[in-house]
Amino acid sequence: MSEYKLLSLEELKEMENEFVNYLVVNGIAAEDWERMKNVEPAKAERLIELFSDMVFETIMRNVQFLEYREKKELITFQCLGDKLVLVGMKAEGDTDADFTSQEYIKKSMVCPPDGLKVYTSEKKYQKKREIELFEMTQRGCFITEGNLFKTLCLALD
């Protein structure tokens, strides 16, 4: 059973060179792979699962920042080794807030609208760090360079 998710056929095709190298490192030549797909499909599927896990594990290990955006709320995360540090903005009350718009975010940083609440929190990981971050991406978070997180932190000072 895969820890993360199986790479799609499209994703696998994009990573064809890496997958071929993975097979070679595991002692599987091209003709052996072709035979395995036809004769032992479960074994071939397992190799794809293991490769998929390796890819996602590597990606998640390198994640330092995540963001989650809704119309009335923006949450940024710094992904440390042992915990998540959260800084968010929430528009309260009847407002035209739209944190899904980059323009609105820029405008809010320069001239904060009424009813804007900025908050921060910390949370220790409940699961293995990489698994938890992956699950967050599956629920709508996306990986960033952390610029917005850093800007919000400065605004809190």
N, C-alpha and C. Protein backbone atom coordinates (compact mmCIF):
# COMPACT_ATOMS: atom_id res chain seq x y z
N MET A 1 0.84 -1.19 0.00
CA MET A 1 0.00 0.00 0.00
C MET A 1 0.88 1.25 0.00
N SER A 2 0.56 2.15 -0.86
CA SER A 2 1.32 3.38 -1.02
C SER A 2 1.13 4.31 0.18
N GLU A 3 2.20 4.97 0.62
CA GLU A 3 2.10 5.95 1.70
C GLU A 3 1.44 7.22 1.23
N TYR A 4 1.67 7.59 0.00
CA TYR A 4 1.17 8.85 -0.55
C TYR A 4 0.06 8.56 -1.54
N LYS A 5 0.35 8.74 -2.81
CA LYS A 5 -0.60 8.38 -3.86
C LYS A 5 0.18 7.91 -5.06
N LEU A 6 -0.46 7.15 -5.87
CA LEU A 6 0.17 6.65 -7.08
C LEU A 6 0.30 7.79 -8.08
N LEU A 7 1.47 7.93 -8.66
CA LEU A 7 1.63 8.92 -9.73
C LEU A 7 0.69 8.56 -10.87
N SER A 8 0.09 9.57 -11.47
CA SER A 8 -0.78 9.31 -12.62
C SER A 8 0.09 8.90 -13.81
N LEU A 9 -0.55 8.36 -14.83
CA LEU A 9 0.18 7.97 -16.03
C LEU A 9 0.89 9.17 -16.64
N GLU A 10 0.22 10.31 -16.64
CA GLU A 10 0.82 11.55 -17.16
C GLU A 10 2.04 11.95 -16.35
N GLU A 11 1.92 11.91 -15.02
CA GLU A 11 3.04 12.27 -14.15
C GLU A 11 4.20 11.29 -14.34
N LEU A 12 3.87 10.02 -14.47
CA LEU A 12 4.88 8.99 -14.69
C LEU A 12 5.62 9.22 -16.01
N LYS A 13 4.88 9.59 -17.04
CA LYS A 13 5.51 9.89 -18.34
C LYS A 13 6.45 11.08 -18.23
N GLU A 14 6.05 12.10 -17.45
CA GLU A 14 6.91 13.27 -17.25
C GLU A 14 8.19 12.90 -16.52
N MET A 15 8.15 11.84 -15.75
CA MET A 15 9.31 11.42 -14.96
C MET A 15 9.92 10.14 -15.53
N GLU A 16 9.75 9.93 -16.81
CA GLU A 16 10.20 8.68 -17.44
C GLU A 16 11.68 8.41 -17.19
N ASN A 17 12.53 9.42 -17.37
CA ASN A 17 13.98 9.21 -17.17
C ASN A 17 14.29 8.80 -15.73
N GLU A 18 13.64 9.47 -14.78
CA GLU A 18 13.86 9.14 -13.37
C GLU A 18 13.37 7.72 -13.06
N PHE A 19 12.24 7.34 -13.67
CA PHE A 19 11.70 6.00 -13.43
C PHE A 19 12.62 4.94 -14.04
N VAL A 20 13.14 5.19 -15.22
CA VAL A 20 14.08 4.26 -15.85
C VAL A 20 15.31 4.10 -14.96
N ASN A 21 15.83 5.21 -14.44
CA ASN A 21 16.98 5.15 -13.53
C ASN A 21 16.64 4.37 -12.27
N TYR A 22 15.43 4.56 -11.76
CA TYR A 22 14.97 3.83 -10.58
C TYR A 22 14.95 2.33 -10.86
N LEU A 23 14.44 1.95 -12.03
CA LEU A 23 14.41 0.53 -12.40
C LEU A 23 15.83 -0.03 -12.51
N VAL A 24 16.72 0.72 -13.14
CA VAL A 24 18.11 0.28 -13.32
C VAL A 24 18.78 0.07 -11.97
N VAL A 25 18.60 1.05 -11.06
CA VAL A 25 19.19 0.95 -9.73
C VAL A 25 18.67 -0.29 -9.01
N ASN A 26 17.44 -0.67 -9.30
CA ASN A 26 16.84 -1.86 -8.69
C ASN A 26 17.09 -3.12 -9.51
N GLY A 27 17.99 -3.03 -10.49
CA GLY A 27 18.40 -4.21 -11.25
C GLY A 27 17.38 -4.70 -12.26
N ILE A 28 16.53 -3.80 -12.75
CA ILE A 28 15.50 -4.20 -13.70
C ILE A 28 15.78 -3.55 -15.06
N ALA A 29 16.13 -4.38 -16.02
CA ALA A 29 16.40 -3.91 -17.38
C ALA A 29 15.08 -3.67 -18.10
N ALA A 30 15.15 -2.96 -19.23
CA ALA A 30 13.95 -2.60 -20.00
C ALA A 30 13.13 -3.83 -20.38
N GLU A 31 13.80 -4.88 -20.87
CA GLU A 31 13.07 -6.08 -21.29
C GLU A 31 12.43 -6.79 -20.09
N ASP A 32 13.11 -6.74 -18.94
CA ASP A 32 12.54 -7.33 -17.72
C ASP A 32 11.29 -6.56 -17.27
N TRP A 33 11.34 -5.24 -17.41
CA TRP A 33 10.20 -4.40 -17.06
C TRP A 33 9.00 -4.71 -17.94
N GLU A 34 9.24 -4.82 -19.22
CA GLU A 34 8.15 -5.14 -20.17
C GLU A 34 7.53 -6.50 -19.84
N ARG A 35 8.38 -7.47 -19.54
CA ARG A 35 7.88 -8.79 -19.18
C ARG A 35 7.09 -8.73 -17.89
N MET A 36 7.62 -8.01 -16.91
CA MET A 36 6.97 -7.90 -15.61
C MET A 36 5.57 -7.27 -15.75
N LYS A 37 5.44 -6.24 -16.56
CA LYS A 37 4.13 -5.58 -16.75
C LYS A 37 3.10 -6.56 -17.30
N ASN A 38 3.55 -7.48 -18.17
CA ASN A 38 2.62 -8.43 -18.79
C ASN A 38 2.39 -9.68 -17.96
N VAL A 39 3.46 -10.19 -17.33
CA VAL A 39 3.38 -11.47 -16.62
C VAL A 39 3.09 -11.30 -15.13
N GLU A 40 3.65 -10.25 -14.53
CA GLU A 40 3.49 -10.01 -13.09
C GLU A 40 3.00 -8.58 -12.84
N PRO A 41 1.80 -8.25 -13.27
CA PRO A 41 1.32 -6.87 -13.15
C PRO A 41 1.28 -6.35 -11.71
N ALA A 42 1.02 -7.21 -10.75
CA ALA A 42 0.98 -6.78 -9.34
C ALA A 42 2.38 -6.34 -8.89
N LYS A 43 3.39 -7.05 -9.34
CA LYS A 43 4.77 -6.69 -8.99
C LYS A 43 5.16 -5.37 -9.66
N ALA A 44 4.74 -5.19 -10.92
CA ALA A 44 5.01 -3.94 -11.63
C ALA A 44 4.30 -2.77 -10.94
N GLU A 45 3.06 -2.99 -10.54
CA GLU A 45 2.28 -1.97 -9.82
C GLU A 45 2.97 -1.60 -8.51
N ARG A 46 3.50 -2.58 -7.82
CA ARG A 46 4.20 -2.32 -6.55
C ARG A 46 5.43 -1.47 -6.77
N LEU A 47 6.17 -1.71 -7.85
CA LEU A 47 7.34 -0.89 -8.16
C LEU A 47 6.93 0.56 -8.44
N ILE A 48 5.81 0.74 -9.12
CA ILE A 48 5.31 2.09 -9.39
C ILE A 48 4.90 2.76 -8.08
N GLU A 49 4.28 2.00 -7.18
CA GLU A 49 3.92 2.54 -5.86
C GLU A 49 5.16 2.99 -5.10
N LEU A 50 6.19 2.15 -5.08
CA LEU A 50 7.42 2.49 -4.37
C LEU A 50 8.09 3.71 -4.97
N PHE A 51 8.10 3.79 -6.30
CA PHE A 51 8.67 4.95 -6.99
C PHE A 51 7.85 6.20 -6.65
N SER A 52 6.54 6.10 -6.68
CA SER A 52 5.66 7.23 -6.36
C SER A 52 5.94 7.72 -4.94
N ASP A 53 6.04 6.79 -4.00
CA ASP A 53 6.34 7.17 -2.62
C ASP A 53 7.67 7.90 -2.52
N MET A 54 8.66 7.41 -3.24
CA MET A 54 9.98 8.04 -3.22
C MET A 54 9.90 9.48 -3.74
N VAL A 55 9.15 9.67 -4.83
CA VAL A 55 9.01 11.00 -5.43
C VAL A 55 8.32 11.95 -4.44
N PHE A 56 7.17 11.54 -3.89
CA PHE A 56 6.44 12.42 -2.98
C PHE A 56 7.19 12.64 -1.67
N GLU A 57 7.87 11.62 -1.19
CA GLU A 57 8.68 11.77 0.03
C GLU A 57 9.75 12.84 -0.18
N THR A 58 10.42 12.80 -1.32
CA THR A 58 11.46 13.77 -1.64
C THR A 58 10.88 15.18 -1.73
N ILE A 59 9.76 15.32 -2.41
CA ILE A 59 9.12 16.63 -2.54
C ILE A 59 8.72 17.17 -1.17
N MET A 60 8.05 16.35 -0.38
CA MET A 60 7.56 16.81 0.93
C MET A 60 8.70 17.10 1.90
N ARG A 61 9.77 16.36 1.80
CA ARG A 61 10.93 16.59 2.67
C ARG A 61 11.49 18.00 2.44
N ASN A 62 11.35 18.51 1.22
CA ASN A 62 11.91 19.82 0.88
C ASN A 62 10.93 20.97 1.07
N VAL A 63 9.70 20.68 1.44
CA VAL A 63 8.70 21.75 1.63
C VAL A 63 9.05 22.56 2.88
N GLN A 64 9.09 23.88 2.71
CA GLN A 64 9.33 24.76 3.84
C GLN A 64 8.12 25.64 4.15
N PHE A 65 7.30 25.91 3.12
CA PHE A 65 6.14 26.78 3.31
C PHE A 65 4.95 26.27 2.51
N LEU A 66 3.76 26.44 3.09
CA LEU A 66 2.50 26.12 2.41
C LEU A 66 1.56 27.30 2.58
N GLU A 67 0.58 27.39 1.68
CA GLU A 67 -0.48 28.39 1.80
C GLU A 67 -1.81 27.72 1.52
N TYR A 68 -2.84 28.29 2.17
CA TYR A 68 -4.21 27.86 1.91
C TYR A 68 -5.04 29.13 1.78
N ARG A 69 -5.83 29.21 0.70
CA ARG A 69 -6.62 30.42 0.46
C ARG A 69 -8.09 30.10 0.25
N GLU A 70 -8.91 30.91 0.89
CA GLU A 70 -10.34 30.94 0.65
C GLU A 70 -10.70 32.40 0.45
N LYS A 71 -11.93 32.66 0.05
CA LYS A 71 -12.32 34.05 -0.20
C LYS A 71 -12.08 34.93 1.02
N LYS A 72 -12.47 34.48 2.19
CA LYS A 72 -12.40 35.33 3.39
C LYS A 72 -11.27 34.96 4.34
N GLU A 73 -10.41 34.02 3.93
CA GLU A 73 -9.32 33.64 4.83
C GLU A 73 -8.10 33.18 4.05
N LEU A 74 -6.96 33.57 4.57
CA LEU A 74 -5.67 33.18 4.00
C LEU A 74 -4.83 32.64 5.14
N ILE A 75 -4.29 31.44 4.96
CA ILE A 75 -3.46 30.83 6.00
C ILE A 75 -2.12 30.46 5.38
N THR A 76 -1.05 30.91 6.00
CA THR A 76 0.29 30.55 5.56
C THR A 76 0.95 29.70 6.64
N PHE A 77 1.77 28.77 6.21
CA PHE A 77 2.42 27.86 7.14
C PHE A 77 3.92 27.82 6.89
N GLN A 78 4.69 27.85 7.96
CA GLN A 78 6.11 27.52 7.87
C GLN A 78 6.22 26.10 8.41
N CYS A 79 6.81 25.23 7.61
CA CYS A 79 6.88 23.80 7.94
C CYS A 79 8.25 23.47 8.52
N LEU A 80 8.36 23.56 9.82
CA LEU A 80 9.62 23.27 10.49
C LEU A 80 9.75 21.76 10.68
N GLY A 81 10.86 21.34 11.25
CA GLY A 81 11.10 19.92 11.42
C GLY A 81 10.13 19.24 12.37
N ASP A 82 9.71 19.95 13.43
CA ASP A 82 8.87 19.33 14.45
C ASP A 82 7.48 19.94 14.57
N LYS A 83 7.22 21.05 13.87
CA LYS A 83 5.93 21.71 14.02
C LYS A 83 5.63 22.62 12.83
N LEU A 84 4.37 23.01 12.74
CA LEU A 84 3.91 24.00 11.78
C LEU A 84 3.72 25.32 12.51
N VAL A 85 4.20 26.40 11.91
CA VAL A 85 3.93 27.74 12.42
C VAL A 85 2.96 28.37 11.44
N LEU A 86 1.85 28.84 11.95
CA LEU A 86 0.77 29.36 11.12
C LEU A 86 0.63 30.86 11.33
N VAL A 87 0.48 31.60 10.23
CA VAL A 87 0.12 33.01 10.28
C VAL A 87 -1.00 33.18 9.27
N GLY A 88 -2.11 33.74 9.72
CA GLY A 88 -3.26 33.86 8.84
C GLY A 88 -3.91 35.22 8.91
N MET A 89 -4.76 35.48 7.93
CA MET A 89 -5.60 36.68 7.88
C MET A 89 -7.02 36.22 7.62
N LYS A 90 -7.94 36.81 8.36
CA LYS A 90 -9.34 36.47 8.17
C LYS A 90 -10.16 37.75 8.12
N ALA A 91 -11.00 37.84 7.10
CA ALA A 91 -11.89 38.99 6.98
C ALA A 91 -13.18 38.66 7.71
N GLU A 92 -13.50 39.46 8.71
CA GLU A 92 -14.69 39.21 9.50
C GLU A 92 -15.79 40.20 9.11
N GLY A 93 -17.02 39.77 9.26
CA GLY A 93 -18.16 40.63 8.96
C GLY A 93 -18.49 40.64 7.48
N ASP A 94 -19.34 41.57 7.11
CA ASP A 94 -19.79 41.71 5.72
C ASP A 94 -18.73 42.47 4.94
N THR A 95 -18.02 41.77 4.09
CA THR A 95 -16.90 42.39 3.38
C THR A 95 -16.77 41.80 1.98
N ASP A 96 -16.06 42.52 1.13
CA ASP A 96 -15.81 42.04 -0.24
C ASP A 96 -14.46 41.34 -0.33
N ALA A 97 -13.99 40.83 0.79
CA ALA A 97 -12.68 40.16 0.84
C ALA A 97 -12.61 39.02 -0.17
N ASP A 98 -11.42 38.89 -0.77
CA ASP A 98 -11.18 37.77 -1.68
C ASP A 98 -9.70 37.43 -1.68
N PHE A 99 -9.32 36.61 -0.72
CA PHE A 99 -7.92 36.23 -0.59
C PHE A 99 -7.47 35.25 -1.67
N THR A 100 -8.38 34.86 -2.55
CA THR A 100 -7.98 34.05 -3.70
C THR A 100 -7.39 34.94 -4.79
N SER A 101 -7.55 36.26 -4.65
CA SER A 101 -7.03 37.24 -5.61
C SER A 101 -5.71 37.81 -5.12
N GLN A 102 -4.68 37.70 -5.91
CA GLN A 102 -3.36 38.24 -5.56
C GLN A 102 -3.44 39.76 -5.39
N GLU A 103 -4.24 40.41 -6.22
CA GLU A 103 -4.42 41.87 -6.13
C GLU A 103 -5.01 42.26 -4.78
N TYR A 104 -6.03 41.53 -4.33
CA TYR A 104 -6.66 41.83 -3.06
C TYR A 104 -5.65 41.66 -1.92
N ILE A 105 -4.85 40.63 -1.99
CA ILE A 105 -3.85 40.40 -0.94
C ILE A 105 -2.86 41.56 -0.89
N LYS A 106 -2.37 41.97 -2.04
CA LYS A 106 -1.42 43.11 -2.08
C LYS A 106 -2.06 44.36 -1.49
N LYS A 107 -3.31 44.63 -1.89
CA LYS A 107 -4.03 45.80 -1.40
C LYS A 107 -4.22 45.73 0.12
N SER A 108 -4.53 44.55 0.63
CA SER A 108 -4.75 44.36 2.07
C SER A 108 -3.48 44.58 2.87
N MET A 109 -2.36 44.24 2.27
CA MET A 109 -1.08 44.41 2.97
C MET A 109 -0.73 45.89 3.10
N VAL A 110 -1.07 46.68 2.08
CA VAL A 110 -0.77 48.11 2.09
C VAL A 110 -1.78 48.88 2.93
N CYS A 111 -3.05 48.55 2.73
CA CYS A 111 -4.13 49.26 3.42
C CYS A 111 -5.11 48.22 3.97
N PRO A 112 -4.87 47.70 5.17
CA PRO A 112 -5.73 46.65 5.72
C PRO A 112 -7.18 47.11 5.83
N PRO A 113 -8.10 46.29 5.32
CA PRO A 113 -9.52 46.65 5.41
C PRO A 113 -10.04 46.50 6.84
N ASP A 114 -11.15 47.16 7.11
CA ASP A 114 -11.79 47.01 8.42
C ASP A 114 -12.19 45.55 8.61
N GLY A 115 -12.10 45.09 9.84
CA GLY A 115 -12.54 43.74 10.16
C GLY A 115 -11.53 42.66 9.77
N LEU A 116 -10.30 43.07 9.50
CA LEU A 116 -9.26 42.10 9.14
C LEU A 116 -8.55 41.65 10.42
N LYS A 117 -8.59 40.36 10.65
CA LYS A 117 -7.95 39.79 11.83
C LYS A 117 -6.71 39.02 11.37
N VAL A 118 -5.55 39.36 11.95
CA VAL A 118 -4.32 38.62 11.67
C VAL A 118 -4.02 37.80 12.92
N TYR A 119 -3.72 36.52 12.72
CA TYR A 119 -3.52 35.63 13.86
C TYR A 119 -2.35 34.69 13.58
N THR A 120 -1.86 34.10 14.64
CA THR A 120 -0.75 33.16 14.53
C THR A 120 -0.96 32.00 15.51
N SER A 121 -0.36 30.88 15.18
CA SER A 121 -0.50 29.70 16.02
C SER A 121 0.63 28.73 15.67
N GLU A 122 0.80 27.73 16.49
CA GLU A 122 1.76 26.66 16.23
C GLU A 122 1.08 25.33 16.48
N LYS A 123 1.56 24.30 15.78
CA LYS A 123 0.98 22.97 15.96
C LYS A 123 2.06 21.92 15.70
N LYS A 124 2.22 21.02 16.64
CA LYS A 124 3.14 19.90 16.43
C LYS A 124 2.50 18.92 15.45
N TYR A 125 3.32 18.26 14.68
CA TYR A 125 2.79 17.27 13.73
C TYR A 125 2.16 16.11 14.50
N GLN A 126 1.03 15.65 14.00
CA GLN A 126 0.34 14.50 14.59
C GLN A 126 0.81 13.19 13.96
N LYS A 127 1.37 13.31 12.75
CA LYS A 127 1.87 12.16 11.99
C LYS A 127 3.28 12.48 11.54
N LYS A 128 3.85 11.59 10.78
CA LYS A 128 5.14 11.86 10.16
C LYS A 128 5.02 13.16 9.37
N ARG A 129 6.00 14.06 9.50
CA ARG A 129 5.97 15.39 8.89
C ARG A 129 5.57 15.34 7.42
N GLU A 130 6.25 14.51 6.63
CA GLU A 130 6.02 14.47 5.19
C GLU A 130 4.60 14.00 4.85
N ILE A 131 4.09 13.05 5.60
CA ILE A 131 2.73 12.55 5.38
C ILE A 131 1.72 13.67 5.68
N GLU A 132 1.92 14.35 6.79
CA GLU A 132 0.99 15.42 7.17
C GLU A 132 1.00 16.55 6.14
N LEU A 133 2.19 16.93 5.66
CA LEU A 133 2.26 17.99 4.65
C LEU A 133 1.60 17.54 3.35
N PHE A 134 1.81 16.29 2.97
CA PHE A 134 1.18 15.77 1.76
C PHE A 134 -0.35 15.83 1.90
N GLU A 135 -0.85 15.41 3.05
CA GLU A 135 -2.31 15.45 3.27
C GLU A 135 -2.83 16.88 3.18
N MET A 136 -2.05 17.83 3.67
CA MET A 136 -2.46 19.24 3.57
C MET A 136 -2.55 19.67 2.10
N THR A 137 -1.61 19.23 1.28
CA THR A 137 -1.67 19.58 -0.15
C THR A 137 -2.87 18.93 -0.81
N GLN A 138 -3.26 17.76 -0.35
CA GLN A 138 -4.42 17.09 -0.91
C GLN A 138 -5.72 17.79 -0.51
N ARG A 139 -5.67 18.58 0.58
CA ARG A 139 -6.86 19.31 1.03
C ARG A 139 -6.87 20.75 0.53
N GLY A 140 -5.92 21.12 -0.34
CA GLY A 140 -5.98 22.45 -0.95
C GLY A 140 -4.81 23.37 -0.67
N CYS A 141 -3.90 22.99 0.21
CA CYS A 141 -2.70 23.82 0.41
C CYS A 141 -1.79 23.68 -0.79
N PHE A 142 -1.01 24.72 -1.05
CA PHE A 142 -0.03 24.61 -2.11
C PHE A 142 1.32 25.07 -1.60
N ILE A 143 2.36 24.54 -2.19
CA ILE A 143 3.74 24.80 -1.80
C ILE A 143 4.14 26.18 -2.31
N THR A 144 4.79 26.97 -1.44
CA THR A 144 5.25 28.30 -1.82
C THR A 144 6.71 28.51 -1.38
N GLU A 145 7.22 29.67 -1.76
CA GLU A 145 8.56 30.07 -1.32
C GLU A 145 8.53 30.76 0.04
N GLY A 146 7.34 31.07 0.54
CA GLY A 146 7.22 31.65 1.87
C GLY A 146 7.20 33.16 1.93
N ASN A 147 7.13 33.82 0.78
CA ASN A 147 7.16 35.29 0.78
C ASN A 147 6.00 35.89 1.57
N LEU A 148 4.82 35.38 1.37
CA LEU A 148 3.65 35.90 2.07
C LEU A 148 3.74 35.61 3.57
N PHE A 149 4.20 34.42 3.93
CA PHE A 149 4.38 34.08 5.34
C PHE A 149 5.33 35.09 5.99
N LYS A 150 6.44 35.35 5.35
CA LYS A 150 7.45 36.28 5.90
C LYS A 150 6.89 37.70 6.00
N THR A 151 6.13 38.12 4.98
CA THR A 151 5.54 39.45 5.01
C THR A 151 4.53 39.58 6.14
N LEU A 152 3.72 38.56 6.34
CA LEU A 152 2.75 38.60 7.43
C LEU A 152 3.45 38.62 8.80
N CYS A 153 4.54 37.89 8.91
CA CYS A 153 5.30 37.89 10.17
C CYS A 153 5.83 39.28 10.47
N LEU A 154 6.32 39.96 9.44
CA LEU A 154 6.80 41.33 9.63
C LEU A 154 5.68 42.26 10.05
N ALA A 155 4.49 42.04 9.49
CA ALA A 155 3.33 42.88 9.83
C ALA A 155 2.91 42.68 11.28
N LEU A 156 3.20 41.50 11.85
CA LEU A 156 2.83 41.24 13.24
C LEU A 156 3.74 41.98 14.23
N ASP A 157 4.94 42.28 13.80
CA ASP A 157 5.91 42.95 14.71
C ASP A 157 5.51 44.35 15.06
